[in-house]
N, C-alpha and C. Protein backbone atom coordinates (compact mmCIF):
# COMPACT_ATOMS: atom_id res chain seq x y z
N MET A 1 7.02 6.54 8.72
CA MET A 1 5.58 6.36 8.84
C MET A 1 4.85 7.24 7.82
N PHE A 2 3.63 6.80 7.47
CA PHE A 2 2.81 7.50 6.50
C PHE A 2 1.37 7.54 7.03
N THR A 3 0.48 8.17 6.27
CA THR A 3 -0.92 8.25 6.70
C THR A 3 -1.86 7.50 5.76
N GLY A 4 -1.39 7.10 4.60
CA GLY A 4 -2.26 6.45 3.64
C GLY A 4 -3.09 7.43 2.82
N LEU A 5 -2.76 8.73 2.92
CA LEU A 5 -3.41 9.73 2.08
C LEU A 5 -2.48 10.02 0.90
N VAL A 6 -2.83 9.53 -0.25
CA VAL A 6 -1.98 9.66 -1.43
C VAL A 6 -1.83 11.13 -1.80
N ALA A 7 -0.57 11.58 -1.94
CA ALA A 7 -0.30 12.98 -2.26
C ALA A 7 -0.28 13.24 -3.75
N ALA A 8 0.07 12.23 -4.54
CA ALA A 8 0.14 12.40 -5.99
C ALA A 8 0.22 11.03 -6.64
N VAL A 9 -0.18 10.99 -7.90
CA VAL A 9 0.03 9.80 -8.71
C VAL A 9 1.22 10.07 -9.61
N GLY A 10 2.27 9.29 -9.44
CA GLY A 10 3.45 9.40 -10.29
C GLY A 10 3.46 8.28 -11.31
N ARG A 11 4.59 8.15 -11.97
CA ARG A 11 4.70 7.10 -12.99
C ARG A 11 6.11 6.52 -13.00
N ILE A 12 6.20 5.21 -12.92
CA ILE A 12 7.48 4.54 -13.15
C ILE A 12 7.78 4.63 -14.64
N VAL A 13 8.87 5.31 -14.98
CA VAL A 13 9.19 5.51 -16.39
C VAL A 13 10.31 4.60 -16.87
N ARG A 14 11.06 4.04 -15.91
CA ARG A 14 12.14 3.14 -16.31
C ARG A 14 12.42 2.16 -15.19
N VAL A 15 12.63 0.90 -15.56
CA VAL A 15 12.99 -0.15 -14.60
C VAL A 15 14.34 -0.72 -15.04
N LYS A 16 15.37 -0.50 -14.23
CA LYS A 16 16.73 -0.93 -14.58
C LYS A 16 17.17 -2.05 -13.65
N PRO A 17 17.43 -3.24 -14.18
CA PRO A 17 17.93 -4.35 -13.33
C PRO A 17 19.25 -3.97 -12.68
N LEU A 18 19.41 -4.36 -11.40
CA LEU A 18 20.64 -4.07 -10.67
C LEU A 18 21.63 -5.22 -10.74
N ALA A 19 21.12 -6.43 -11.02
CA ALA A 19 21.98 -7.61 -11.12
C ALA A 19 21.28 -8.61 -12.01
N ASP A 20 21.54 -9.90 -11.80
CA ASP A 20 20.87 -10.94 -12.57
C ASP A 20 19.37 -10.75 -12.46
N ALA A 21 18.67 -10.72 -13.58
CA ALA A 21 17.25 -10.40 -13.60
C ALA A 21 16.43 -11.31 -12.71
N ALA A 22 16.80 -12.57 -12.61
CA ALA A 22 16.01 -13.53 -11.83
C ALA A 22 16.28 -13.43 -10.34
N GLN A 23 17.47 -12.92 -9.95
CA GLN A 23 17.86 -12.92 -8.55
C GLN A 23 17.99 -11.53 -7.95
N GLY A 24 18.30 -10.53 -8.76
CA GLY A 24 18.58 -9.20 -8.24
C GLY A 24 17.37 -8.28 -8.22
N GLY A 25 17.60 -7.11 -7.66
CA GLY A 25 16.55 -6.11 -7.61
C GLY A 25 16.59 -5.19 -8.81
N VAL A 26 15.89 -4.08 -8.69
CA VAL A 26 15.82 -3.13 -9.79
C VAL A 26 15.93 -1.71 -9.24
N ARG A 27 16.32 -0.79 -10.10
CA ARG A 27 16.26 0.63 -9.79
C ARG A 27 15.11 1.23 -10.58
N LEU A 28 14.20 1.88 -9.87
CA LEU A 28 13.05 2.52 -10.50
C LEU A 28 13.32 4.00 -10.70
N HIS A 29 13.07 4.50 -11.91
CA HIS A 29 13.11 5.92 -12.21
C HIS A 29 11.66 6.39 -12.26
N ILE A 30 11.30 7.28 -11.36
CA ILE A 30 9.89 7.65 -11.17
C ILE A 30 9.67 9.13 -11.44
N ASP A 31 8.72 9.43 -12.30
CA ASP A 31 8.24 10.79 -12.49
C ASP A 31 7.30 11.09 -11.33
N ALA A 32 7.64 12.09 -10.51
CA ALA A 32 6.90 12.37 -9.28
C ALA A 32 5.58 13.08 -9.52
N GLY A 33 5.27 13.47 -10.74
CA GLY A 33 4.01 14.15 -11.00
C GLY A 33 3.89 15.42 -10.19
N GLU A 34 2.79 15.54 -9.44
CA GLU A 34 2.54 16.74 -8.64
C GLU A 34 3.03 16.60 -7.20
N LEU A 35 3.84 15.60 -6.92
CA LEU A 35 4.26 15.37 -5.53
C LEU A 35 5.05 16.54 -4.97
N GLY A 36 5.96 17.10 -5.76
CA GLY A 36 6.81 18.17 -5.24
C GLY A 36 8.00 17.59 -4.49
N LEU A 37 9.20 17.79 -5.01
CA LEU A 37 10.39 17.20 -4.42
C LEU A 37 11.32 18.23 -3.79
N GLY A 38 10.85 19.46 -3.62
CA GLY A 38 11.70 20.51 -3.08
C GLY A 38 12.19 20.25 -1.68
N ASP A 39 11.42 19.49 -0.88
CA ASP A 39 11.81 19.21 0.50
C ASP A 39 12.28 17.77 0.67
N VAL A 40 12.59 17.10 -0.43
CA VAL A 40 13.03 15.70 -0.38
C VAL A 40 14.53 15.64 -0.61
N GLY A 41 15.23 14.82 0.17
CA GLY A 41 16.66 14.65 0.00
C GLY A 41 17.03 13.19 -0.16
N ILE A 42 18.28 12.94 -0.52
CA ILE A 42 18.77 11.57 -0.63
C ILE A 42 18.64 10.89 0.73
N GLY A 43 18.10 9.69 0.74
CA GLY A 43 17.90 8.96 1.99
C GLY A 43 16.52 9.11 2.59
N ASP A 44 15.72 10.04 2.07
CA ASP A 44 14.35 10.19 2.56
C ASP A 44 13.47 9.04 2.07
N SER A 45 12.35 8.86 2.76
CA SER A 45 11.43 7.78 2.43
C SER A 45 10.22 8.31 1.67
N ILE A 46 9.82 7.57 0.65
CA ILE A 46 8.59 7.84 -0.09
C ILE A 46 7.87 6.51 -0.28
N ALA A 47 6.58 6.49 0.02
CA ALA A 47 5.78 5.29 -0.21
C ALA A 47 5.40 5.24 -1.69
N VAL A 48 5.74 4.14 -2.33
CA VAL A 48 5.45 3.94 -3.75
C VAL A 48 4.49 2.76 -3.87
N GLN A 49 3.24 3.05 -4.20
CA GLN A 49 2.20 2.01 -4.29
C GLN A 49 2.09 1.24 -2.98
N GLY A 50 2.31 1.97 -1.87
CA GLY A 50 2.15 1.39 -0.54
C GLY A 50 3.41 0.82 0.06
N ALA A 51 4.51 0.77 -0.68
CA ALA A 51 5.77 0.21 -0.18
C ALA A 51 6.76 1.34 0.11
N CYS A 52 7.29 1.35 1.32
CA CYS A 52 8.26 2.39 1.72
C CYS A 52 9.57 2.18 0.99
N MET A 53 10.03 3.20 0.28
CA MET A 53 11.26 3.13 -0.48
C MET A 53 12.17 4.32 -0.13
N THR A 54 13.48 4.10 -0.26
CA THR A 54 14.47 5.12 0.05
C THR A 54 14.95 5.80 -1.21
N VAL A 55 14.92 7.12 -1.23
CA VAL A 55 15.37 7.89 -2.39
C VAL A 55 16.88 7.81 -2.50
N VAL A 56 17.36 7.37 -3.67
CA VAL A 56 18.81 7.25 -3.89
C VAL A 56 19.33 8.27 -4.89
N ALA A 57 18.44 8.93 -5.63
CA ALA A 57 18.83 9.99 -6.57
C ALA A 57 17.58 10.77 -6.92
N LEU A 58 17.74 12.05 -7.26
CA LEU A 58 16.58 12.86 -7.63
C LEU A 58 17.00 14.12 -8.35
N ASP A 59 16.02 14.68 -9.07
CA ASP A 59 16.18 16.01 -9.65
C ASP A 59 14.88 16.76 -9.36
N ASP A 60 14.59 17.81 -10.11
CA ASP A 60 13.43 18.64 -9.81
C ASP A 60 12.11 17.89 -9.92
N ARG A 61 12.03 16.90 -10.79
CA ARG A 61 10.75 16.24 -11.06
C ARG A 61 10.80 14.71 -10.90
N HIS A 62 11.97 14.13 -10.88
CA HIS A 62 12.10 12.68 -10.84
C HIS A 62 12.90 12.24 -9.62
N PHE A 63 12.64 11.01 -9.18
CA PHE A 63 13.47 10.42 -8.15
C PHE A 63 13.68 8.95 -8.47
N GLN A 64 14.71 8.37 -7.83
CA GLN A 64 15.04 6.97 -8.07
C GLN A 64 15.08 6.21 -6.75
N VAL A 65 14.64 4.96 -6.80
CA VAL A 65 14.70 4.08 -5.62
C VAL A 65 15.18 2.71 -6.07
N ASP A 66 15.86 2.01 -5.16
CA ASP A 66 16.27 0.64 -5.40
C ASP A 66 15.30 -0.30 -4.70
N VAL A 67 14.83 -1.30 -5.43
CA VAL A 67 13.87 -2.27 -4.90
C VAL A 67 14.53 -3.64 -4.91
N SER A 68 14.62 -4.27 -3.74
CA SER A 68 15.25 -5.59 -3.66
C SER A 68 14.37 -6.66 -4.29
N ARG A 69 14.97 -7.79 -4.60
CA ARG A 69 14.22 -8.91 -5.16
C ARG A 69 13.16 -9.38 -4.17
N GLU A 70 13.47 -9.34 -2.86
CA GLU A 70 12.49 -9.73 -1.85
C GLU A 70 11.25 -8.85 -1.92
N SER A 71 11.46 -7.54 -2.05
CA SER A 71 10.32 -6.62 -2.15
C SER A 71 9.54 -6.86 -3.43
N LEU A 72 10.23 -7.12 -4.52
CA LEU A 72 9.54 -7.39 -5.78
C LEU A 72 8.69 -8.65 -5.69
N ASN A 73 9.19 -9.66 -4.95
CA ASN A 73 8.46 -10.91 -4.82
C ASN A 73 7.21 -10.76 -3.96
N LEU A 74 7.18 -9.75 -3.09
CA LEU A 74 6.09 -9.62 -2.12
C LEU A 74 5.13 -8.49 -2.46
N THR A 75 5.34 -7.82 -3.58
CA THR A 75 4.49 -6.69 -3.95
C THR A 75 4.07 -6.80 -5.41
N VAL A 76 3.17 -5.92 -5.80
CA VAL A 76 2.80 -5.78 -7.21
C VAL A 76 2.94 -4.31 -7.59
N GLY A 77 3.19 -4.07 -8.88
CA GLY A 77 3.23 -2.71 -9.39
C GLY A 77 4.58 -2.04 -9.33
N LEU A 78 5.62 -2.76 -8.90
CA LEU A 78 6.95 -2.15 -8.78
C LEU A 78 7.95 -2.75 -9.75
N ASP A 79 7.50 -3.55 -10.67
CA ASP A 79 8.42 -4.22 -11.59
C ASP A 79 8.22 -3.82 -13.04
N ARG A 80 7.39 -2.80 -13.28
CA ARG A 80 7.13 -2.40 -14.67
C ARG A 80 6.72 -0.93 -14.70
N ALA A 81 6.76 -0.35 -15.89
CA ALA A 81 6.33 1.04 -16.06
C ALA A 81 4.84 1.15 -15.80
N GLY A 82 4.42 2.28 -15.24
CA GLY A 82 3.01 2.50 -14.99
C GLY A 82 2.80 3.46 -13.84
N GLU A 83 1.54 3.79 -13.60
CA GLU A 83 1.20 4.73 -12.55
C GLU A 83 1.36 4.11 -11.17
N VAL A 84 1.78 4.96 -10.20
CA VAL A 84 1.95 4.51 -8.81
C VAL A 84 1.50 5.62 -7.87
N ASN A 85 0.90 5.21 -6.76
CA ASN A 85 0.53 6.15 -5.71
C ASN A 85 1.79 6.58 -4.95
N LEU A 86 1.89 7.87 -4.63
CA LEU A 86 3.06 8.40 -3.94
C LEU A 86 2.65 9.16 -2.68
N GLU A 87 3.44 8.98 -1.64
CA GLU A 87 3.24 9.76 -0.41
C GLU A 87 4.58 9.93 0.29
N LYS A 88 4.91 11.17 0.65
CA LYS A 88 6.11 11.41 1.43
C LYS A 88 5.88 11.01 2.88
N SER A 89 6.97 10.69 3.59
CA SER A 89 6.84 10.25 4.98
C SER A 89 6.39 11.40 5.87
N LEU A 90 5.79 11.03 7.00
CA LEU A 90 5.29 12.01 7.96
C LEU A 90 6.43 12.82 8.57
N ARG A 91 6.14 14.09 8.83
CA ARG A 91 7.05 14.93 9.57
C ARG A 91 6.35 15.39 10.84
N VAL A 92 7.12 15.75 11.84
CA VAL A 92 6.53 16.23 13.10
C VAL A 92 5.62 17.41 12.82
N GLY A 93 4.39 17.33 13.30
CA GLY A 93 3.42 18.41 13.11
C GLY A 93 2.49 18.19 11.95
N ASP A 94 2.75 17.18 11.11
CA ASP A 94 1.85 16.89 9.99
C ASP A 94 0.51 16.37 10.49
N GLN A 95 -0.53 16.68 9.75
CA GLN A 95 -1.85 16.17 10.07
C GLN A 95 -1.97 14.70 9.67
N ILE A 96 -2.56 13.89 10.55
CA ILE A 96 -2.80 12.48 10.24
C ILE A 96 -4.25 12.34 9.83
N GLY A 97 -4.49 12.34 8.51
CA GLY A 97 -5.85 12.31 8.01
C GLY A 97 -6.37 10.92 7.75
N GLY A 98 -5.46 9.94 7.59
CA GLY A 98 -5.89 8.56 7.36
C GLY A 98 -5.69 7.74 8.61
N HIS A 99 -4.71 6.82 8.60
CA HIS A 99 -4.29 6.12 9.82
C HIS A 99 -2.79 5.86 9.70
N LEU A 100 -2.18 5.47 10.79
CA LEU A 100 -0.73 5.27 10.77
C LEU A 100 -0.38 4.07 9.90
N VAL A 101 0.46 4.32 8.91
CA VAL A 101 0.84 3.31 7.91
C VAL A 101 2.36 3.20 7.91
N SER A 102 2.88 1.98 7.94
CA SER A 102 4.33 1.79 8.01
C SER A 102 4.98 1.73 6.63
N GLY A 103 4.21 1.39 5.60
CA GLY A 103 4.79 1.22 4.28
C GLY A 103 5.41 -0.15 4.09
N HIS A 104 5.06 -1.11 4.96
CA HIS A 104 5.53 -2.49 4.85
C HIS A 104 4.38 -3.35 4.37
N VAL A 105 4.43 -3.78 3.13
CA VAL A 105 3.34 -4.57 2.55
C VAL A 105 3.30 -5.94 3.22
N ASP A 106 2.12 -6.32 3.73
CA ASP A 106 1.97 -7.57 4.46
C ASP A 106 1.56 -8.73 3.56
N GLY A 107 0.97 -8.43 2.43
CA GLY A 107 0.54 -9.48 1.53
C GLY A 107 -0.21 -8.91 0.35
N LEU A 108 -0.64 -9.81 -0.52
CA LEU A 108 -1.35 -9.41 -1.73
C LEU A 108 -2.80 -9.88 -1.67
N GLY A 109 -3.70 -8.99 -2.06
CA GLY A 109 -5.10 -9.35 -2.20
C GLY A 109 -5.46 -9.41 -3.67
N THR A 110 -6.63 -9.99 -3.95
CA THR A 110 -7.13 -10.10 -5.32
C THR A 110 -8.45 -9.38 -5.43
N VAL A 111 -8.56 -8.48 -6.40
CA VAL A 111 -9.81 -7.73 -6.60
C VAL A 111 -10.87 -8.68 -7.16
N LEU A 112 -12.01 -8.75 -6.47
CA LEU A 112 -13.13 -9.58 -6.91
C LEU A 112 -14.13 -8.79 -7.72
N ARG A 113 -14.44 -7.58 -7.24
CA ARG A 113 -15.40 -6.71 -7.92
C ARG A 113 -14.99 -5.26 -7.73
N PHE A 114 -15.41 -4.43 -8.68
CA PHE A 114 -15.26 -2.99 -8.53
C PHE A 114 -16.46 -2.37 -9.22
N ASP A 115 -17.60 -2.40 -8.53
CA ASP A 115 -18.91 -2.10 -9.12
C ASP A 115 -19.41 -0.71 -8.74
N ASN A 116 -20.17 -0.11 -9.64
CA ASN A 116 -20.83 1.15 -9.32
C ASN A 116 -21.95 0.90 -8.32
N VAL A 117 -21.98 1.72 -7.26
CA VAL A 117 -23.04 1.67 -6.26
C VAL A 117 -23.42 3.11 -5.95
N GLY A 118 -24.50 3.58 -6.55
CA GLY A 118 -24.87 4.99 -6.41
C GLY A 118 -23.79 5.87 -7.01
N GLU A 119 -23.39 6.88 -6.26
CA GLU A 119 -22.36 7.79 -6.76
C GLU A 119 -20.95 7.25 -6.51
N SER A 120 -20.83 6.18 -5.73
CA SER A 120 -19.53 5.61 -5.38
C SER A 120 -19.33 4.27 -6.07
N ARG A 121 -18.29 3.56 -5.64
CA ARG A 121 -18.03 2.22 -6.15
C ARG A 121 -17.70 1.29 -4.99
N GLU A 122 -18.08 0.04 -5.13
CA GLU A 122 -17.75 -0.98 -4.14
C GLU A 122 -16.54 -1.76 -4.62
N LEU A 123 -15.48 -1.74 -3.81
CA LEU A 123 -14.28 -2.50 -4.09
C LEU A 123 -14.27 -3.72 -3.19
N ALA A 124 -14.35 -4.91 -3.78
CA ALA A 124 -14.31 -6.16 -3.02
C ALA A 124 -12.99 -6.86 -3.27
N ILE A 125 -12.32 -7.27 -2.19
CA ILE A 125 -10.99 -7.86 -2.26
C ILE A 125 -10.95 -9.16 -1.49
N ARG A 126 -10.37 -10.21 -2.08
CA ARG A 126 -10.10 -11.46 -1.37
C ARG A 126 -8.77 -11.33 -0.65
N VAL A 127 -8.81 -11.48 0.67
CA VAL A 127 -7.63 -11.34 1.52
C VAL A 127 -7.11 -12.73 1.88
N PRO A 128 -5.80 -12.98 1.78
CA PRO A 128 -5.26 -14.31 2.07
C PRO A 128 -5.42 -14.68 3.55
N PRO A 129 -5.38 -15.99 3.86
CA PRO A 129 -5.64 -16.47 5.22
C PRO A 129 -4.78 -15.84 6.30
N HIS A 130 -3.48 -15.62 6.03
CA HIS A 130 -2.60 -15.11 7.09
C HIS A 130 -2.90 -13.67 7.47
N LEU A 131 -3.72 -12.97 6.69
CA LEU A 131 -4.09 -11.60 7.03
C LEU A 131 -5.55 -11.46 7.43
N ALA A 132 -6.35 -12.50 7.18
CA ALA A 132 -7.80 -12.39 7.37
C ALA A 132 -8.17 -12.01 8.80
N ARG A 133 -7.46 -12.54 9.80
CA ARG A 133 -7.82 -12.29 11.19
C ARG A 133 -7.60 -10.83 11.62
N PHE A 134 -6.87 -10.07 10.81
CA PHE A 134 -6.59 -8.69 11.17
C PHE A 134 -7.63 -7.70 10.61
N LEU A 135 -8.58 -8.18 9.81
CA LEU A 135 -9.56 -7.30 9.19
C LEU A 135 -10.86 -7.31 9.98
N ALA A 136 -11.42 -6.13 10.21
CA ALA A 136 -12.64 -6.01 11.01
C ALA A 136 -13.55 -4.94 10.44
N TYR A 137 -14.84 -5.08 10.70
CA TYR A 137 -15.83 -4.09 10.27
C TYR A 137 -15.48 -2.71 10.83
N LYS A 138 -15.42 -1.73 9.95
CA LYS A 138 -15.07 -0.34 10.25
C LYS A 138 -13.61 -0.18 10.67
N GLY A 139 -12.81 -1.22 10.47
CA GLY A 139 -11.38 -1.10 10.71
C GLY A 139 -10.68 -0.50 9.50
N SER A 140 -9.38 -0.29 9.63
CA SER A 140 -8.60 0.33 8.57
C SER A 140 -7.75 -0.72 7.85
N VAL A 141 -7.56 -0.50 6.56
CA VAL A 141 -6.65 -1.32 5.76
C VAL A 141 -6.03 -0.41 4.71
N THR A 142 -4.79 -0.73 4.33
CA THR A 142 -4.11 0.04 3.30
C THR A 142 -4.07 -0.78 2.02
N VAL A 143 -4.59 -0.22 0.94
CA VAL A 143 -4.63 -0.88 -0.36
C VAL A 143 -3.82 -0.04 -1.34
N ASN A 144 -2.71 -0.58 -1.82
CA ASN A 144 -1.83 0.16 -2.73
C ASN A 144 -1.45 1.53 -2.17
N GLY A 145 -1.26 1.56 -0.85
CA GLY A 145 -0.84 2.80 -0.20
C GLY A 145 -1.96 3.74 0.20
N ILE A 146 -3.21 3.33 0.01
CA ILE A 146 -4.37 4.18 0.29
C ILE A 146 -5.03 3.73 1.58
N SER A 147 -5.22 4.63 2.53
CA SER A 147 -5.94 4.34 3.76
C SER A 147 -7.43 4.24 3.47
N LEU A 148 -8.01 3.07 3.76
CA LEU A 148 -9.42 2.83 3.46
C LEU A 148 -10.11 2.18 4.65
N THR A 149 -11.44 2.33 4.71
CA THR A 149 -12.25 1.77 5.78
C THR A 149 -13.00 0.54 5.29
N VAL A 150 -12.93 -0.54 6.05
CA VAL A 150 -13.60 -1.78 5.71
C VAL A 150 -15.08 -1.69 6.08
N ASN A 151 -15.95 -1.89 5.10
CA ASN A 151 -17.40 -1.83 5.35
C ASN A 151 -18.03 -3.19 5.64
N ARG A 152 -17.37 -4.24 5.19
CA ARG A 152 -17.92 -5.57 5.42
C ARG A 152 -16.81 -6.60 5.34
N VAL A 153 -16.88 -7.62 6.21
CA VAL A 153 -15.93 -8.73 6.20
C VAL A 153 -16.71 -10.03 6.16
N THR A 154 -16.37 -10.89 5.21
CA THR A 154 -17.00 -12.20 5.09
C THR A 154 -15.92 -13.26 5.08
N ASP A 155 -15.93 -14.14 6.09
CA ASP A 155 -14.94 -15.20 6.15
C ASP A 155 -15.24 -16.26 5.09
N VAL A 156 -14.20 -16.71 4.41
CA VAL A 156 -14.32 -17.77 3.39
C VAL A 156 -13.23 -18.80 3.66
N ALA A 157 -13.27 -19.91 2.94
CA ALA A 157 -12.35 -21.02 3.20
C ALA A 157 -10.90 -20.61 3.02
N ASP A 158 -10.62 -19.73 2.07
CA ASP A 158 -9.24 -19.34 1.79
C ASP A 158 -8.96 -17.88 2.15
N GLY A 159 -9.44 -17.47 3.33
CA GLY A 159 -9.17 -16.12 3.81
C GLY A 159 -10.44 -15.39 4.18
N CYS A 160 -10.60 -14.18 3.67
CA CYS A 160 -11.84 -13.42 3.86
C CYS A 160 -12.02 -12.46 2.70
N ASP A 161 -13.26 -12.07 2.49
CA ASP A 161 -13.58 -11.06 1.49
C ASP A 161 -13.95 -9.78 2.20
N ILE A 162 -13.34 -8.67 1.80
CA ILE A 162 -13.67 -7.38 2.39
C ILE A 162 -14.31 -6.49 1.33
N SER A 163 -15.21 -5.64 1.78
CA SER A 163 -15.88 -4.69 0.90
C SER A 163 -15.54 -3.28 1.37
N ILE A 164 -15.17 -2.42 0.43
CA ILE A 164 -14.74 -1.06 0.74
C ILE A 164 -15.48 -0.09 -0.19
N ASN A 165 -15.99 1.00 0.36
CA ASN A 165 -16.64 2.03 -0.45
C ASN A 165 -15.60 3.03 -0.93
N ILE A 166 -15.57 3.24 -2.23
CA ILE A 166 -14.62 4.18 -2.84
C ILE A 166 -15.39 5.38 -3.39
N ILE A 167 -15.16 6.55 -2.80
CA ILE A 167 -15.85 7.74 -3.28
C ILE A 167 -15.20 8.22 -4.58
N PRO A 168 -15.90 9.00 -5.39
CA PRO A 168 -15.35 9.45 -6.68
C PRO A 168 -14.00 10.15 -6.55
N HIS A 169 -13.82 10.96 -5.50
CA HIS A 169 -12.55 11.68 -5.35
C HIS A 169 -11.39 10.72 -5.21
N THR A 170 -11.55 9.70 -4.36
CA THR A 170 -10.46 8.74 -4.15
C THR A 170 -10.11 8.02 -5.44
N GLN A 171 -11.11 7.65 -6.20
CA GLN A 171 -10.85 6.97 -7.47
C GLN A 171 -10.12 7.90 -8.44
N ALA A 172 -10.49 9.17 -8.44
CA ALA A 172 -9.92 10.11 -9.41
C ALA A 172 -8.47 10.45 -9.12
N VAL A 173 -8.06 10.47 -7.83
CA VAL A 173 -6.72 10.96 -7.49
C VAL A 173 -5.76 9.84 -7.08
N THR A 174 -6.13 8.58 -7.31
CA THR A 174 -5.25 7.46 -7.00
C THR A 174 -5.24 6.47 -8.17
N THR A 175 -4.40 5.47 -8.05
CA THR A 175 -4.33 4.45 -9.10
C THR A 175 -5.51 3.50 -9.07
N LEU A 176 -6.44 3.67 -8.14
CA LEU A 176 -7.65 2.84 -8.15
C LEU A 176 -8.44 3.03 -9.44
N ARG A 177 -8.24 4.13 -10.12
CA ARG A 177 -8.94 4.36 -11.38
C ARG A 177 -8.55 3.32 -12.44
N ASN A 178 -7.45 2.60 -12.20
CA ASN A 178 -6.99 1.59 -13.16
C ASN A 178 -7.35 0.17 -12.77
N VAL A 179 -7.93 -0.02 -11.57
CA VAL A 179 -8.14 -1.35 -11.03
C VAL A 179 -9.31 -2.06 -11.71
N LYS A 180 -9.16 -3.37 -11.90
CA LYS A 180 -10.23 -4.20 -12.48
C LYS A 180 -10.21 -5.57 -11.80
N PRO A 181 -11.32 -6.31 -11.87
CA PRO A 181 -11.36 -7.64 -11.25
C PRO A 181 -10.23 -8.53 -11.74
N GLY A 182 -9.65 -9.27 -10.80
CA GLY A 182 -8.52 -10.14 -11.11
C GLY A 182 -7.18 -9.52 -10.80
N ASP A 183 -7.12 -8.20 -10.65
CA ASP A 183 -5.85 -7.54 -10.33
C ASP A 183 -5.41 -7.89 -8.91
N ARG A 184 -4.10 -7.95 -8.70
CA ARG A 184 -3.54 -8.09 -7.37
C ARG A 184 -3.25 -6.71 -6.81
N VAL A 185 -3.40 -6.56 -5.48
CA VAL A 185 -3.17 -5.28 -4.83
C VAL A 185 -2.32 -5.49 -3.59
N ASN A 186 -1.52 -4.47 -3.24
CA ASN A 186 -0.70 -4.50 -2.04
C ASN A 186 -1.55 -4.18 -0.82
N LEU A 187 -1.44 -5.02 0.21
CA LEU A 187 -2.22 -4.84 1.44
C LEU A 187 -1.29 -4.63 2.62
N GLU A 188 -1.65 -3.70 3.49
CA GLU A 188 -0.99 -3.54 4.78
C GLU A 188 -2.07 -3.48 5.86
N ILE A 189 -1.95 -4.32 6.86
CA ILE A 189 -2.94 -4.33 7.94
C ILE A 189 -2.68 -3.18 8.89
N ASP A 190 -3.70 -2.86 9.69
CA ASP A 190 -3.60 -1.79 10.67
C ASP A 190 -2.57 -2.15 11.74
N THR A 191 -1.70 -1.23 12.08
CA THR A 191 -0.66 -1.47 13.07
C THR A 191 -1.25 -1.85 14.42
N ILE A 192 -2.36 -1.22 14.81
CA ILE A 192 -2.98 -1.53 16.10
C ILE A 192 -3.44 -2.98 16.13
N ALA A 193 -4.04 -3.45 15.03
CA ALA A 193 -4.49 -4.84 14.96
C ALA A 193 -3.32 -5.80 15.11
N ARG A 194 -2.18 -5.44 14.56
CA ARG A 194 -0.98 -6.28 14.65
C ARG A 194 -0.56 -6.47 16.11
N TYR A 195 -0.55 -5.38 16.87
CA TYR A 195 -0.12 -5.46 18.26
C TYR A 195 -1.16 -6.16 19.14
N VAL A 196 -2.44 -5.92 18.87
CA VAL A 196 -3.49 -6.61 19.63
C VAL A 196 -3.38 -8.11 19.45
N GLU A 197 -3.18 -8.56 18.19
CA GLU A 197 -3.06 -9.99 17.92
C GLU A 197 -1.87 -10.58 18.69
N ARG A 198 -0.77 -9.88 18.73
CA ARG A 198 0.42 -10.36 19.43
C ARG A 198 0.17 -10.45 20.93
N MET A 199 -0.49 -9.44 21.50
CA MET A 199 -0.75 -9.45 22.94
C MET A 199 -1.68 -10.59 23.33
N LEU A 200 -2.65 -10.88 22.48
CA LEU A 200 -3.60 -11.96 22.79
C LEU A 200 -2.97 -13.33 22.61
N ALA A 201 -2.02 -13.44 21.68
CA ALA A 201 -1.44 -14.74 21.38
C ALA A 201 -0.26 -15.10 22.28
N ALA A 202 0.44 -14.11 22.79
CA ALA A 202 1.65 -14.37 23.59
C ALA A 202 1.29 -14.93 24.96
N PRO A 203 2.05 -15.90 25.47
CA PRO A 203 1.79 -16.43 26.82
C PRO A 203 2.09 -15.40 27.88
N ARG A 204 1.28 -15.39 28.93
CA ARG A 204 1.51 -14.47 30.02
C ARG A 204 2.66 -14.96 30.90
N PRO A 205 3.48 -14.05 31.42
CA PRO A 205 4.63 -14.47 32.21
C PRO A 205 4.26 -15.20 33.49
N ASP A 206 3.04 -14.96 34.00
CA ASP A 206 2.62 -15.63 35.24
C ASP A 206 1.98 -16.99 34.96
N GLY A 207 1.91 -17.38 33.69
CA GLY A 207 1.36 -18.68 33.34
C GLY A 207 -0.15 -18.71 33.23
N LEU A 208 -0.83 -17.61 33.52
CA LEU A 208 -2.28 -17.55 33.47
C LEU A 208 -2.75 -17.34 32.04
N LYS A 209 -3.97 -17.72 31.76
CA LYS A 209 -4.55 -17.50 30.45
C LYS A 209 -5.62 -16.42 30.52
């Protein structure tokens, strides 16, 4: 589990195919930046651009993870060199400053706008239909591993559009500083919303509605 509070921006410095390029996964060599790997061991989890990955090798400043073809097909930002948001998994006693995040990307959104609004910026994202029902005003959503609050939801024919306020600090310390309209982003819905939807949709054992 994670909190969606990005601890550092690292960089994928090498992408090595593990098998046939079209069918296999890749091994990512990642410069951890300011993350700090002194308390990280082989087998530990690190969220990379919002996707939970297992550390398979590391040194003082770099770590490596294997990404399956399935994960590559369902995410963006893990198949090429570039900056990535990093967060180590929660430990007992850690402060939860964002919201509970599993690191399982549920789908991809498309950035519609990223406009200046006063001292902040408005990030507007088109959410696909299968995730639209999980988004709510003042609810939580994870975008590229960042815990964010939804300020507005507008239903559209092909999903919904959400608006999120991005303060200058968040933009400065995450990969949101690189985002532009048309970009795809990794989305994870709130865990609580997932369970509520299941409870409402599942038939009751007594047959009542």
